[in-house]
Amino acid sequence: MHPVPPFPSRPFRQRPRSILLPAPLRLLMRRATDPLRCRAVLAQMYGYWEP
């Protein structure tokens, strides 16, 4: 099973959908825990958000 998120997910679920991350980004964030990949993953995430 996947690890429990660091914060309780009760009120956060009621936020607008635009805040929810797409599945690929979620996988990237999960992979970011690997220190060897962290920099590359962060670069990909910023590339995703920037215009």
Protein backbone atom coordinates (compact mmCIF):
# COMPACT_ATOMS: atom_id res chain seq x y z
CA MET A 1 0.00 0.00 0.00
CA HIS A 2 1.09 3.61 -0.45
CA PRO A 3 2.28 5.59 2.58
CA VAL A 4 -0.16 7.85 4.44
CA PRO A 5 0.12 11.53 3.49
CA PRO A 6 1.84 13.72 6.12
CA PHE A 7 -1.26 15.84 6.70
CA PRO A 8 -4.82 14.75 7.57
CA SER A 9 -6.96 14.65 4.44
CA ARG A 10 -10.27 15.80 5.93
CA PRO A 11 -10.70 19.52 5.05
CA PHE A 12 -8.18 19.48 2.20
CA ARG A 13 -10.44 17.33 0.01
CA GLN A 14 -13.01 20.14 -0.19
CA ARG A 15 -10.61 22.45 -2.05
CA PRO A 16 -11.21 23.28 -5.73
CA ARG A 17 -10.19 20.59 -8.19
CA SER A 18 -7.50 22.77 -9.76
CA ILE A 19 -5.31 22.09 -6.71
CA LEU A 20 -5.38 18.32 -7.18
CA LEU A 21 -2.36 16.95 -9.00
CA PRO A 22 -2.63 14.70 -12.04
CA ALA A 23 -1.57 11.09 -11.50
CA PRO A 24 1.80 11.38 -13.32
CA LEU A 25 2.78 14.34 -11.14
CA ARG A 26 1.79 12.40 -8.04
CA LEU A 27 4.07 9.57 -9.16
CA LEU A 28 6.89 12.06 -9.75
CA MET A 29 6.46 13.45 -6.25
CA ARG A 30 6.53 9.95 -4.82
CA ARG A 31 9.74 9.28 -6.74
CA ALA A 32 11.24 12.54 -5.46
CA THR A 33 11.95 10.77 -2.16
CA ASP A 34 14.85 9.10 -3.95
CA PRO A 35 17.70 11.61 -3.39
CA LEU A 36 19.42 10.61 -6.64
CA ARG A 37 16.34 11.55 -8.68
CA CYS A 38 15.16 14.47 -6.59
CA ARG A 39 16.76 17.20 -8.69
CA ALA A 40 15.59 15.78 -12.01
CA VAL A 41 12.07 15.24 -10.69
CA LEU A 42 11.87 18.78 -9.35
CA ALA A 43 13.00 20.09 -12.73
CA GLN A 44 10.23 18.08 -14.40
CA MET A 45 7.63 19.36 -11.93
CA TYR A 46 8.64 22.99 -12.45
CA GLY A 47 8.61 22.42 -16.18
CA TYR A 48 5.05 21.13 -15.83
CA TRP A 49 3.83 24.22 -13.97
CA GLU A 50 5.70 26.92 -15.86
CA PRO A 51 4.20 28.29 -19.10
